[in-house]
Amino acid sequence: MSKTESRPMSPSTLERLVIAGPAGNLETDINDPGKPRRGIALIAHPNPVQGGTKDNKVVTTLAKTLFGLGYVAVRPNFRGVGASAGTFDEGNGETEDLLAVANHVLARYDHLPLLLAGFSFGAFVQTRVAQTLTAERLILVGPAVNRFSAAAVPADTLVVHGEVDDVVPLADVMNWARPQNLPLVVVPGGEHFFHGRLHILASIVQRHCA
């Protein structure tokens, strides 16, 4: 199967795991496309204190898109969300959570190439994870750079943002990206959650990973 040939993410591919994290168990969903696997896509959800979970529509859109490209799609709930133990830690503990999940799945899947993806708060956390782990790709959607201090990222990072995002203004993301000479992909008319434009987000990710 070619890299760009889509595979549907069905319930039969879903495995629910409990992975040991630094603050306790982490509830994690894994969708495995089977061999040949292209890599592992670790996807981080938005801010827990604002209702963010692994089942957020932007997160599941990323998971379905990357699964369709042959990636094992991994979606953990951060500490304090769902059945995950612990309490919100402003991104510090959440970075440790993602590192724990990444180490678990890398060992399980023979250290396949790792892709890091995140939405909003999850995108901020992934900029920190990328400081520790070597990722073949980094995908940031609506990164919450106005609320948290996001780290600098590699030049080939895909950053997707909505033109009329009222949670993280586009100007703030431009101010973060400008010193890095980092291009942005702006979705015209898109707001923070990409309502009515998730298919555009999926298409952008597909093209980037082709």
Protein backbone atom coordinates (compact mmCIF):
# COMPACT_ATOMS: atom_id res chain seq x y z
CA MET A 1 0.00 0.00 0.00
CA SER A 2 1.38 3.40 -0.94
CA LYS A 3 2.02 6.14 1.60
CA THR A 4 -0.87 8.22 0.32
CA GLU A 5 -3.45 5.43 0.01
CA SER A 6 -6.08 5.90 2.69
CA ARG A 7 -7.04 3.25 5.25
CA PRO A 8 -10.29 3.67 7.18
CA MET A 9 -9.99 3.86 10.99
CA SER A 10 -12.70 1.49 12.19
CA PRO A 11 -13.65 0.39 15.74
CA SER A 12 -12.02 -2.96 15.01
CA THR A 13 -8.61 -1.27 14.92
CA LEU A 14 -9.05 0.34 18.36
CA GLU A 15 -7.22 -0.85 21.46
CA ARG A 16 -7.71 0.87 24.82
CA LEU A 17 -4.64 0.75 27.03
CA VAL A 18 -3.62 1.91 30.47
CA ILE A 19 -0.01 3.09 30.38
CA ALA A 20 1.98 3.85 33.51
CA GLY A 21 2.79 7.56 33.77
CA PRO A 22 4.68 9.66 36.30
CA ALA A 23 1.45 10.65 38.10
CA GLY A 24 -0.30 7.29 37.65
CA ASN A 25 -2.09 5.46 34.89
CA LEU A 26 -2.73 7.17 31.56
CA GLU A 27 -5.81 6.19 29.56
CA THR A 28 -4.69 5.76 25.95
CA ASP A 29 -6.41 4.81 22.70
CA ILE A 30 -4.36 3.16 19.96
CA ASN A 31 -5.52 2.52 16.42
CA ASP A 32 -3.09 0.21 14.65
CA PRO A 33 -3.35 -0.11 10.85
CA GLY A 34 -1.19 -3.25 10.87
CA LYS A 35 1.78 -3.96 8.68
CA PRO A 36 3.29 -2.23 6.87
CA ARG A 37 3.25 0.52 9.49
CA ARG A 38 4.72 3.84 8.43
CA GLY A 39 5.37 5.11 11.93
CA ILE A 40 3.78 6.15 15.22
CA ALA A 41 1.67 9.30 15.48
CA LEU A 42 1.39 10.55 19.06
CA ILE A 43 -1.45 13.08 19.21
CA ALA A 44 -2.03 15.50 22.11
CA HIS A 45 -5.39 17.01 23.03
CA PRO A 46 -6.35 20.58 24.03
CA ASN A 47 -6.46 22.13 27.49
CA PRO A 48 -8.02 19.77 30.08
CA VAL A 49 -9.38 22.62 32.20
CA GLN A 50 -11.40 23.74 29.19
CA GLY A 51 -12.79 20.29 28.43
CA GLY A 52 -10.04 18.98 26.18
CA THR A 53 -9.82 15.20 25.80
CA LYS A 54 -8.47 12.56 23.41
CA ASP A 55 -11.91 12.51 21.77
CA ASN A 56 -11.82 16.15 20.65
CA LYS A 57 -12.87 16.44 16.99
CA VAL A 58 -9.61 18.05 15.84
CA VAL A 59 -7.65 15.32 17.63
CA THR A 60 -9.73 12.52 16.11
CA THR A 61 -9.45 14.15 12.68
CA LEU A 62 -5.66 14.08 13.02
CA ALA A 63 -5.81 10.47 14.22
CA LYS A 64 -8.02 9.32 11.32
CA THR A 65 -5.90 11.17 8.77
CA LEU A 66 -2.58 9.84 10.03
CA PHE A 67 -3.98 6.33 10.51
CA GLY A 68 -5.11 6.48 6.88
CA LEU A 69 -1.50 7.19 5.91
CA GLY A 70 -0.25 4.10 7.74
CA TYR A 71 0.63 5.53 11.16
CA VAL A 72 -0.24 3.87 14.46
CA ALA A 73 -2.48 6.61 15.92
CA VAL A 74 -1.94 7.06 19.67
CA ARG A 75 -4.26 9.34 21.68
CA PRO A 76 -3.66 9.55 25.44
CA ASN A 77 -5.72 11.48 27.94
CA PHE A 78 -3.50 13.82 29.94
CA ARG A 79 -3.37 13.46 33.71
CA GLY A 80 -6.68 14.18 35.39
CA VAL A 81 -8.71 13.61 32.22
CA GLY A 82 -11.08 10.65 31.89
CA ALA A 83 -9.53 7.62 33.56
CA SER A 84 -6.04 9.14 33.67
CA ALA A 85 -4.68 9.74 37.18
CA GLY A 86 -3.30 13.01 38.49
CA THR A 87 -4.18 16.69 38.20
CA PHE A 88 -3.54 19.44 35.67
CA ASP A 89 0.06 20.69 35.77
CA GLU A 90 0.25 23.66 33.36
CA GLY A 91 2.09 21.61 30.73
CA ASN A 92 4.97 20.42 32.90
CA GLY A 93 3.49 17.11 34.00
CA GLU A 94 1.68 16.76 30.69
CA THR A 95 5.04 16.82 28.92
CA GLU A 96 6.14 13.98 31.18
CA ASP A 97 2.91 12.14 30.37
CA LEU A 98 3.57 12.27 26.63
CA LEU A 99 7.17 11.18 27.10
CA ALA A 100 5.97 8.16 29.10
CA VAL A 101 3.42 7.20 26.43
CA ALA A 102 5.98 7.74 23.66
CA ASN A 103 8.55 5.52 25.34
CA HIS A 104 5.92 2.80 25.81
CA VAL A 105 4.74 2.74 22.21
CA LEU A 106 8.24 3.12 20.76
CA ALA A 107 9.30 0.00 22.65
CA ARG A 108 6.14 -1.83 21.63
CA TYR A 109 6.50 -1.02 17.92
CA ASP A 110 10.26 -1.56 17.56
CA HIS A 111 11.12 2.14 17.56
CA LEU A 112 9.29 3.05 14.37
CA PRO A 113 9.65 6.67 13.20
CA LEU A 114 7.78 9.03 15.52
CA LEU A 115 5.41 11.80 14.45
CA LEU A 116 4.28 14.31 17.09
CA ALA A 117 0.99 16.13 16.60
CA GLY A 118 -1.04 18.34 18.87
CA PHE A 119 -3.96 20.73 19.00
CA SER A 120 -4.01 23.99 20.99
CA PHE A 121 -2.59 23.22 24.48
CA GLY A 122 -1.52 19.84 23.11
CA ALA A 123 0.49 21.58 20.39
CA PHE A 124 2.29 23.64 23.04
CA VAL A 125 3.11 20.46 24.98
CA GLN A 126 4.44 18.79 21.83
CA THR A 127 6.90 21.66 21.28
CA ARG A 128 8.37 20.67 24.64
CA VAL A 129 8.32 16.93 23.93
CA ALA A 130 10.21 17.62 20.69
CA GLN A 131 13.05 19.06 22.77
CA THR A 132 13.64 15.58 24.23
CA LEU A 133 12.53 13.10 21.58
CA THR A 134 13.65 12.91 17.97
CA ALA A 135 10.57 13.11 15.75
CA GLU A 136 10.48 12.71 11.99
CA ARG A 137 7.62 15.20 11.79
CA LEU A 138 5.93 17.76 14.02
CA ILE A 139 2.37 18.92 13.33
CA LEU A 140 0.90 21.78 15.37
CA VAL A 141 -2.72 22.84 14.95
CA GLY A 142 -3.94 26.05 16.58
CA PRO A 143 -0.92 26.15 18.91
CA ALA A 144 -1.73 27.99 22.16
CA VAL A 145 1.33 30.22 22.03
CA ASN A 146 -0.57 33.15 23.58
CA ARG A 147 -1.25 31.28 26.81
CA PHE A 148 1.82 29.09 27.21
CA SER A 149 5.50 29.53 26.42
CA ALA A 150 5.98 27.28 23.40
CA ALA A 151 9.49 26.17 22.51
CA ALA A 152 11.12 26.84 19.15
CA VAL A 153 10.51 24.06 16.63
CA PRO A 154 12.28 22.58 13.59
CA ALA A 155 12.04 24.44 10.29
CA ASP A 156 9.98 21.67 8.66
CA THR A 157 7.24 21.78 11.31
CA LEU A 158 3.70 22.01 9.92
CA VAL A 159 1.73 24.75 11.69
CA VAL A 160 -1.95 25.09 10.74
CA HIS A 161 -4.05 27.94 12.09
CA GLY A 162 -7.48 29.41 11.51
CA GLU A 163 -7.72 32.89 10.06
CA VAL A 164 -10.35 34.03 12.58
CA ASP A 165 -9.27 31.99 15.61
CA ASP A 166 -10.69 33.88 18.62
CA VAL A 167 -8.98 31.67 21.21
CA VAL A 168 -5.43 31.97 19.86
CA PRO A 169 -5.32 35.02 17.56
CA LEU A 170 -3.45 34.49 14.32
CA ALA A 171 -1.30 37.56 15.07
CA ASP A 172 0.05 35.86 18.21
CA VAL A 173 1.07 32.78 16.25
CA MET A 174 2.72 34.98 13.63
CA ASN A 175 4.68 36.72 16.39
CA TRP A 176 5.87 33.33 17.66
CA ALA A 177 6.71 32.02 14.19
CA ARG A 178 8.38 35.14 12.80
CA PRO A 179 11.69 34.93 14.76
CA GLN A 180 11.98 31.29 13.66
CA ASN A 181 11.27 32.08 9.98
CA LEU A 182 8.60 29.43 10.32
CA PRO A 183 5.88 29.33 7.62
CA LEU A 184 2.23 28.94 8.61
CA VAL A 185 -0.67 27.38 6.76
CA VAL A 186 -3.71 29.59 7.34
CA VAL A 187 -7.21 28.23 6.77
CA PRO A 188 -9.39 31.09 5.45
CA GLY A 189 -12.40 31.66 7.69
CA GLY A 190 -11.22 28.96 10.09
CA GLU A 191 -11.79 29.42 13.81
CA HIS A 192 -10.12 27.60 16.68
CA PHE A 193 -11.99 24.30 16.36
CA PHE A 194 -12.15 24.36 12.55
CA HIS A 195 -15.93 23.92 12.52
CA GLY A 196 -16.98 23.02 8.99
CA ARG A 197 -13.34 22.93 7.92
CA LEU A 198 -12.01 19.71 9.42
CA HIS A 199 -11.86 18.23 5.93
CA ILE A 200 -9.52 21.08 4.92
CA LEU A 201 -7.30 20.34 7.92
CA ALA A 202 -7.22 16.66 6.95
CA SER A 203 -6.26 17.54 3.37
CA ILE A 204 -3.41 19.81 4.55
CA VAL A 205 -2.00 17.06 6.76
CA GLN A 206 -2.31 14.48 4.00
CA ARG A 207 -0.38 16.66 1.58
CA HIS A 208 2.30 17.44 4.13
CA CYS A 209 2.86 13.76 4.89
CA ALA A 210 2.64 12.51 1.29
